[in-house]
Amino acid sequence: MSGRRQVLLRIDPAVHDALTRWANDEFRSLNAQVEMILRRALDDAGRMPKHVAPPPKRGRPRATADKSGTATESD
């Protein structure tokens, strides 16, 4: 993958369950939800590094019509 790091996180099972429910409510994976929370906290604290790329866009790529009128997925 493009420079993404894996982190082992040990948390209370009740916190894990709450995060999972929150992620499900927002149609995110647990990993994406934790990253969103961490990014928001860094930004709020003024600690987000300037060179950090924004998170990937959610969902499937939009379908676009090619020259023949057939729908294709865009990148």
PDB file of N, CA and C in Angstrom:
ATOM      1  N   MET A   1       0.832  -1.174   0.000  1.00  0.00           N
ATOM      2  CA  MET A   1       0.000   0.000   0.000  1.00  0.00           C
ATOM      3  C   MET A   1       0.880   1.241   0.000  1.00  0.00           C
ATOM      4  N   SER A   2       0.320   2.381  -0.255  1.00  0.00           N
ATOM      5  CA  SER A   2       1.084   3.607  -0.452  1.00  0.00           C
ATOM      6  C   SER A   2       1.523   4.243   0.862  1.00  0.00           C
ATOM      7  N   GLY A   3       2.480   3.640   1.544  1.00  0.00           N
ATOM      8  CA  GLY A   3       3.064   4.242   2.718  1.00  0.00           C
ATOM      9  C   GLY A   3       2.181   4.280   3.951  1.00  0.00           C
ATOM     10  N   ARG A   4       1.118   3.539   3.987  1.00  0.00           N
ATOM     11  CA  ARG A   4       0.249   3.539   5.171  1.00  0.00           C
ATOM     12  C   ARG A   4       0.812   2.545   6.179  1.00  0.00           C
ATOM     13  N   ARG A   5       0.752   2.902   7.448  1.00  0.00           N
ATOM     14  CA  ARG A   5       1.310   2.062   8.501  1.00  0.00           C
ATOM     15  C   ARG A   5       0.210   1.353   9.274  1.00  0.00           C
ATOM     16  N   GLN A   6       0.552   0.176   9.753  1.00  0.00           N
ATOM     17  CA  GLN A   6      -0.371  -0.585  10.588  1.00  0.00           C
ATOM     18  C   GLN A   6      -0.074  -0.274  12.048  1.00  0.00           C
ATOM     19  N   VAL A   7      -1.130  -0.205  12.856  1.00  0.00           N
ATOM     20  CA  VAL A   7      -0.987   0.077  14.279  1.00  0.00           C
ATOM     21  C   VAL A   7      -1.827  -0.927  15.058  1.00  0.00           C
ATOM     22  N   LEU A   8      -1.225  -1.550  16.048  1.00  0.00           N
ATOM     23  CA  LEU A   8      -1.965  -2.422  16.949  1.00  0.00           C
ATOM     24  C   LEU A   8      -2.509  -1.540  18.062  1.00  0.00           C
ATOM     25  N   LEU A   9      -3.809  -1.562  18.259  1.00  0.00           N
ATOM     26  CA  LEU A   9      -4.453  -0.703  19.246  1.00  0.00           C
ATOM     27  C   LEU A   9      -5.193  -1.576  20.249  1.00  0.00           C
ATOM     28  N   ARG A  10      -4.815  -1.463  21.503  1.00  0.00           N
ATOM     29  CA  ARG A  10      -5.501  -2.209  22.563  1.00  0.00           C
ATOM     30  C   ARG A  10      -6.445  -1.253  23.266  1.00  0.00           C
ATOM     31  N   ILE A  11      -7.746  -1.543  23.201  1.00  0.00           N
ATOM     32  CA  ILE A  11      -8.736  -0.677  23.838  1.00  0.00           C
ATOM     33  C   ILE A  11      -9.775  -1.518  24.572  1.00  0.00           C
ATOM     34  N   ASP A  12     -10.467  -0.881  25.472  1.00  0.00           N
ATOM     35  CA  ASP A  12     -11.534  -1.520  26.234  1.00  0.00           C
ATOM     36  C   ASP A  12     -12.594  -2.057  25.267  1.00  0.00           C
ATOM     37  N   PRO A  13     -13.103  -3.253  25.505  1.00  0.00           N
ATOM     38  CA  PRO A  13     -14.126  -3.812  24.615  1.00  0.00           C
ATOM     39  C   PRO A  13     -15.359  -2.925  24.453  1.00  0.00           C
ATOM     40  N   ALA A  14     -15.756  -2.225  25.503  1.00  0.00           N
ATOM     41  CA  ALA A  14     -16.923  -1.340  25.402  1.00  0.00           C
ATOM     42  C   ALA A  14     -16.634  -0.167  24.467  1.00  0.00           C
ATOM     43  N   VAL A  15     -15.401   0.346  24.506  1.00  0.00           N
ATOM     44  CA  VAL A  15     -15.014   1.431  23.595  1.00  0.00           C
ATOM     45  C   VAL A  15     -14.993   0.906  22.165  1.00  0.00           C
ATOM     46  N   HIS A  16     -14.473  -0.297  21.979  1.00  0.00           N
ATOM     47  CA  HIS A  16     -14.451  -0.915  20.652  1.00  0.00           C
ATOM     48  C   HIS A  16     -15.872  -1.065  20.108  1.00  0.00           C
ATOM     49  N   ASP A  17     -16.776  -1.548  20.946  1.00  0.00           N
ATOM     50  CA  ASP A  17     -18.171  -1.714  20.520  1.00  0.00           C
ATOM     51  C   ASP A  17     -18.802  -0.376  20.148  1.00  0.00           C
ATOM     52  N   ALA A  18     -18.533   0.656  20.950  1.00  0.00           N
ATOM     53  CA  ALA A  18     -19.087   1.985  20.661  1.00  0.00           C
ATOM     54  C   ALA A  18     -18.537   2.529  19.350  1.00  0.00           C
ATOM     55  N   LEU A  19     -17.231   2.344  19.111  1.00  0.00           N
ATOM     56  CA  LEU A  19     -16.630   2.799  17.852  1.00  0.00           C
ATOM     57  C   LEU A  19     -17.208   2.038  16.662  1.00  0.00           C
ATOM     58  N   THR A  20     -17.415   0.743  16.831  1.00  0.00           N
ATOM     59  CA  THR A  20     -17.989  -0.070  15.756  1.00  0.00           C
ATOM     60  C   THR A  20     -19.403   0.393  15.418  1.00  0.00           C
ATOM     61  N   ARG A  21     -20.212   0.660  16.444  1.00  0.00           N
ATOM     62  CA  ARG A  21     -21.575   1.153  16.194  1.00  0.00           C
ATOM     63  C   ARG A  21     -21.537   2.502  15.484  1.00  0.00           C
ATOM     64  N   TRP A  22     -20.650   3.393  15.923  1.00  0.00           N
ATOM     65  CA  TRP A  22     -20.517   4.713  15.310  1.00  0.00           C
ATOM     66  C   TRP A  22     -20.105   4.568  13.849  1.00  0.00           C
ATOM     67  N   ALA A  23     -19.123   3.713  13.583  1.00  0.00           N
ATOM     68  CA  ALA A  23     -18.669   3.484  12.208  1.00  0.00           C
ATOM     69  C   ALA A  23     -19.811   2.943  11.351  1.00  0.00           C
ATOM     70  N   ASN A  24     -20.558   1.999  11.873  1.00  0.00           N
ATOM     71  CA  ASN A  24     -21.684   1.433  11.122  1.00  0.00           C
ATOM     72  C   ASN A  24     -22.744   2.487  10.834  1.00  0.00           C
ATOM     73  N   ASP A  25     -23.002   3.363  11.796  1.00  0.00           N
ATOM     74  CA  ASP A  25     -23.985   4.435  11.599  1.00  0.00           C
ATOM     75  C   ASP A  25     -23.591   5.364  10.456  1.00  0.00           C
ATOM     76  N   GLU A  26     -22.283   5.522  10.238  1.00  0.00           N
ATOM     77  CA  GLU A  26     -21.788   6.427   9.199  1.00  0.00           C
ATOM     78  C   GLU A  26     -21.297   5.676   7.962  1.00  0.00           C
ATOM     79  N   PHE A  27     -21.618   4.377   7.886  1.00  0.00           N
ATOM     80  CA  PHE A  27     -21.251   3.538   6.729  1.00  0.00           C
ATOM     81  C   PHE A  27     -19.747   3.568   6.459  1.00  0.00           C
ATOM     82  N   ARG A  28     -18.965   3.484   7.529  1.00  0.00           N
ATOM     83  CA  ARG A  28     -17.509   3.419   7.423  1.00  0.00           C
ATOM     84  C   ARG A  28     -17.032   2.115   8.045  1.00  0.00           C
ATOM     85  N   SER A  29     -15.819   1.726   7.670  1.00  0.00           N
ATOM     86  CA  SER A  29     -15.172   0.628   8.380  1.00  0.00           C
ATOM     87  C   SER A  29     -14.689   1.170   9.723  1.00  0.00           C
ATOM     88  N   LEU A  30     -14.420   0.280  10.650  1.00  0.00           N
ATOM     89  CA  LEU A  30     -13.902   0.708  11.947  1.00  0.00           C
ATOM     90  C   LEU A  30     -12.574   1.432  11.758  1.00  0.00           C
ATOM     91  N   ASN A  31     -11.724   0.918  10.886  1.00  0.00           N
ATOM     92  CA  ASN A  31     -10.436   1.547  10.627  1.00  0.00           C
ATOM     93  C   ASN A  31     -10.610   2.971  10.095  1.00  0.00           C
ATOM     94  N   ALA A  32     -11.505   3.158   9.141  1.00  0.00           N
ATOM     95  CA  ALA A  32     -11.741   4.492   8.581  1.00  0.00           C
ATOM     96  C   ALA A  32     -12.311   5.433   9.638  1.00  0.00           C
ATOM     97  N   GLN A  33     -13.155   4.910  10.513  1.00  0.00           N
ATOM     98  CA  GLN A  33     -13.742   5.738  11.569  1.00  0.00           C
ATOM     99  C   GLN A  33     -12.667   6.206  12.548  1.00  0.00           C
ATOM    100  N   VAL A  34     -11.790   5.299  12.963  1.00  0.00           N
ATOM    101  CA  VAL A  34     -10.713   5.668  13.885  1.00  0.00           C
ATOM    102  C   VAL A  34      -9.799   6.701  13.235  1.00  0.00           C
ATOM    103  N   GLU A  35      -9.467   6.507  11.958  1.00  0.00           N
ATOM    104  CA  GLU A  35      -8.618   7.484  11.271  1.00  0.00           C
ATOM    105  C   GLU A  35      -9.306   8.842  11.188  1.00  0.00           C
ATOM    106  N   MET A  36     -10.608   8.868  10.911  1.00  0.00           N
ATOM    107  CA  MET A  36     -11.346  10.127  10.835  1.00  0.00           C
ATOM    108  C   MET A  36     -11.321  10.841  12.187  1.00  0.00           C
ATOM    109  N   ILE A  37     -11.526  10.096  13.271  1.00  0.00           N
ATOM    110  CA  ILE A  37     -11.507  10.684  14.613  1.00  0.00           C
ATOM    111  C   ILE A  37     -10.123  11.248  14.930  1.00  0.00           C
ATOM    112  N   LEU A  38      -9.083  10.483  14.613  1.00  0.00           N
ATOM    113  CA  LEU A  38      -7.718  10.945  14.882  1.00  0.00           C
ATOM    114  C   LEU A  38      -7.368  12.175  14.052  1.00  0.00           C
ATOM    115  N   ARG A  39      -7.752  12.193  12.782  1.00  0.00           N
ATOM    116  CA  ARG A  39      -7.492  13.365  11.933  1.00  0.00           C
ATOM    117  C   ARG A  39      -8.211  14.598  12.471  1.00  0.00           C
ATOM    118  N   ARG A  40      -9.460  14.426  12.880  1.00  0.00           N
ATOM    119  CA  ARG A  40     -10.232  15.548  13.419  1.00  0.00           C
ATOM    120  C   ARG A  40      -9.581  16.078  14.702  1.00  0.00           C
ATOM    121  N   ALA A  41      -9.134  15.167  15.574  1.00  0.00           N
ATOM    122  CA  ALA A  41      -8.488  15.576  16.824  1.00  0.00           C
ATOM    123  C   ALA A  41      -7.179  16.315  16.548  1.00  0.00           C
ATOM    124  N   LEU A  42      -6.383  15.814  15.607  1.00  0.00           N
ATOM    125  CA  LEU A  42      -5.137  16.500  15.249  1.00  0.00           C
ATOM    126  C   LEU A  42      -5.414  17.888  14.688  1.00  0.00           C
ATOM    127  N   ASP A  43      -6.408  17.982  13.828  1.00  0.00           N
ATOM    128  CA  ASP A  43      -6.764  19.267  13.228  1.00  0.00           C
ATOM    129  C   ASP A  43      -7.264  20.248  14.293  1.00  0.00           C
ATOM    130  N   ASP A  44      -8.138  19.788  15.178  1.00  0.00           N
ATOM    131  CA  ASP A  44      -8.676  20.641  16.244  1.00  0.00           C
ATOM    132  C   ASP A  44      -7.578  21.143  17.180  1.00  0.00           C
ATOM    133  N   ALA A  45      -6.561  20.312  17.407  1.00  0.00           N
ATOM    134  CA  ALA A  45      -5.462  20.683  18.302  1.00  0.00           C
ATOM    135  C   ALA A  45      -4.377  21.484  17.587  1.00  0.00           C
ATOM    136  N   GLY A  46      -4.549  21.699  16.275  1.00  0.00           N
ATOM    137  CA  GLY A  46      -3.537  22.420  15.510  1.00  0.00           C
ATOM    138  C   GLY A  46      -2.260  21.625  15.318  1.00  0.00           C
ATOM    139  N   ARG A  47      -2.372  20.310  15.331  1.00  0.00           N
ATOM    140  CA  ARG A  47      -1.196  19.444  15.220  1.00  0.00           C
ATOM    141  C   ARG A  47      -1.148  18.636  13.924  1.00  0.00           C
ATOM    142  N   MET A  48      -2.072  18.880  13.010  1.00  0.00           N
ATOM    143  CA  MET A  48      -2.073  18.148  11.743  1.00  0.00           C
ATOM    144  C   MET A  48      -0.917  18.660  10.886  1.00  0.00           C
ATOM    145  N   PRO A  49       0.010  17.773  10.499  1.00  0.00           N
ATOM    146  CA  PRO A  49       1.110  18.208   9.637  1.00  0.00           C
ATOM    147  C   PRO A  49       0.586  18.752   8.306  1.00  0.00           C
ATOM    148  N   LYS A  50       1.275  19.749   7.772  1.00  0.00           N
ATOM    149  CA  LYS A  50       0.838  20.417   6.534  1.00  0.00           C
ATOM    150  C   LYS A  50       0.874  19.482   5.323  1.00  0.00           C
ATOM    151  N   HIS A  51       1.797  18.540   5.294  1.00  0.00           N
ATOM    152  CA  HIS A  51       1.993  17.689   4.113  1.00  0.00           C
ATOM    153  C   HIS A  51       1.084  16.459   4.077  1.00  0.00           C
ATOM    154  N   VAL A  52       0.200  16.294   5.051  1.00  0.00           N
ATOM    155  CA  VAL A  52      -0.658  15.103   5.097  1.00  0.00           C
ATOM    156  C   VAL A  52      -1.748  15.212   4.038  1.00  0.00           C
ATOM    157  N   ALA A  53      -1.869  14.165   3.239  1.00  0.00           N
ATOM    158  CA  ALA A  53      -2.905  14.139   2.196  1.00  0.00           C
ATOM    159  C   ALA A  53      -4.273  13.970   2.842  1.00  0.00           C
ATOM    160  N   PRO A  54      -5.310  14.495   2.199  1.00  0.00           N
ATOM    161  CA  PRO A  54      -6.656  14.295   2.744  1.00  0.00           C
ATOM    162  C   PRO A  54      -7.033  12.813   2.689  1.00  0.00           C
ATOM    163  N   PRO A  55      -7.989  12.409   3.510  1.00  0.00           N
ATOM    164  CA  PRO A  55      -8.390  10.996   3.480  1.00  0.00           C
ATOM    165  C   PRO A  55      -9.008  10.651   2.132  1.00  0.00           C
ATOM    166  N   PRO A  56      -8.947   9.377   1.740  1.00  0.00           N
ATOM    167  CA  PRO A  56      -9.564   8.977   0.476  1.00  0.00           C
ATOM    168  C   PRO A  56     -11.061   9.270   0.505  1.00  0.00           C
ATOM    169  N   LYS A  57     -11.613   9.573  -0.674  1.00  0.00           N
ATOM    170  CA  LYS A  57     -13.051   9.832  -0.760  1.00  0.00           C
ATOM    171  C   LYS A  57     -13.816   8.553  -0.503  1.00  0.00           C
ATOM    172  N   ARG A  58     -14.980   8.703   0.105  1.00  0.00           N
ATOM    173  CA  ARG A  58     -15.814   7.559   0.443  1.00  0.00           C
ATOM    174  C   ARG A  58     -16.616   7.089  -0.761  1.00  0.00           C
ATOM    175  N   GLY A  59     -16.964   5.812  -0.757  1.00  0.00           N
ATOM    176  CA  GLY A  59     -17.863   5.270  -1.765  1.00  0.00           C
ATOM    177  C   GLY A  59     -17.175   4.853  -3.046  1.00  0.00           C
ATOM    178  N   ARG A  60     -18.009   4.429  -3.971  1.00  0.00           N
ATOM    179  CA  ARG A  60     -17.519   3.989  -5.276  1.00  0.00           C
ATOM    180  C   ARG A  60     -17.258   5.180  -6.167  1.00  0.00           C
ATOM    181  N   PRO A  61     -16.339   5.042  -7.116  1.00  0.00           N
ATOM    182  CA  PRO A  61     -16.128   6.127  -8.081  1.00  0.00           C
ATOM    183  C   PRO A  61     -17.390   6.360  -8.901  1.00  0.00           C
ATOM    184  N   ARG A  62     -17.590   7.592  -9.323  1.00  0.00           N
ATOM    185  CA  ARG A  62     -18.760   7.921 -10.137  1.00  0.00           C
ATOM    186  C   ARG A  62     -18.644   7.282 -11.509  1.00  0.00           C
ATOM    187  N   ALA A  63     -19.757   6.847 -12.047  1.00  0.00           N
ATOM    188  CA  ALA A  63     -19.784   6.278 -13.394  1.00  0.00           C
ATOM    189  C   ALA A  63     -19.825   7.420 -14.401  1.00  0.00           C
ATOM    190  N   THR A  64     -19.036   7.292 -15.461  1.00  0.00           N
ATOM    191  CA  THR A  64     -19.045   8.276 -16.537  1.00  0.00           C
ATOM    192  C   THR A  64     -19.301   7.542 -17.846  1.00  0.00           C
ATOM    193  N   ALA A  65     -19.889   8.224 -18.801  1.00  0.00           N
ATOM    194  CA  ALA A  65     -20.165   7.616 -20.104  1.00  0.00           C
ATOM    195  C   ALA A  65     -18.948   7.790 -21.003  1.00  0.00           C
ATOM    196  N   ASP A  66     -18.538   6.702 -21.665  1.00  0.00           N
ATOM    197  CA  ASP A  66     -17.451   6.834 -22.631  1.00  0.00           C
ATOM    198  C   ASP A  66     -18.027   7.307 -23.971  1.00  0.00           C
ATOM    199  N   LYS A  67     -17.207   7.368 -25.003  1.00  0.00           N
ATOM    200  CA  LYS A  67     -17.641   7.897 -26.300  1.00  0.00           C
ATOM    201  C   LYS A  67     -18.803   7.115 -26.902  1.00  0.00           C
ATOM    202  N   SER A  68     -18.903   5.828 -26.585  1.00  0.00           N
ATOM    203  CA  SER A  68     -19.989   5.017 -27.146  1.00  0.00           C
ATOM    204  C   SER A  68     -21.271   5.128 -26.321  1.00  0.00           C
ATOM    205  N   GLY A  69     -21.217   5.883 -25.208  1.00  0.00           N
ATOM    206  CA  GLY A  69     -22.395   6.040 -24.365  1.00  0.00           C
ATOM    207  C   GLY A  69     -22.509   4.991 -23.282  1.00  0.00           C
ATOM    208  N   THR A  70     -21.514   4.095 -23.203  1.00  0.00           N
ATOM    209  CA  THR A  70     -21.518   3.059 -22.184  1.00  0.00           C
ATOM    210  C   THR A  70     -20.957   3.623 -20.884  1.00  0.00           C
ATOM    211  N   ALA A  71     -21.629   3.346 -19.783  1.00  0.00           N
ATOM    212  CA  ALA A  71     -21.163   3.839 -18.480  1.00  0.00           C
ATOM    213  C   ALA A  71     -19.924   3.071 -18.052  1.00  0.00           C
ATOM    214  N   THR A  72     -18.920   3.793 -17.600  1.00  0.00           N
ATOM    215  CA  THR A  72     -17.699   3.200 -17.068  1.00  0.00           C
ATOM    216  C   THR A  72     -17.392   3.881 -15.752  1.00  0.00           C
ATOM    217  N   GLU A  73     -16.611   3.197 -14.894  1.00  0.00           N
ATOM    218  CA  GLU A  73     -16.224   3.805 -13.624  1.00  0.00           C
ATOM    219  C   GLU A  73     -14.991   4.657 -13.840  1.00  0.00           C
ATOM    220  N   SER A  74     -14.999   5.848 -13.226  1.00  0.00           N
ATOM    221  CA  SER A  74     -13.835   6.723 -13.319  1.00  0.00           C
ATOM    222  C   SER A  74     -12.925   6.473 -12.135  1.00  0.00           C
ATOM    223  N   ASP A  75     -11.673   6.937 -12.231  1.00  0.00           N
ATOM    224  CA  ASP A  75     -10.702   6.751 -11.136  1.00  0.00           C
ATOM    225  C   ASP A  75     -10.894   7.761 -10.078  1.00  0.00           C
TER     226      ASP A  75
END
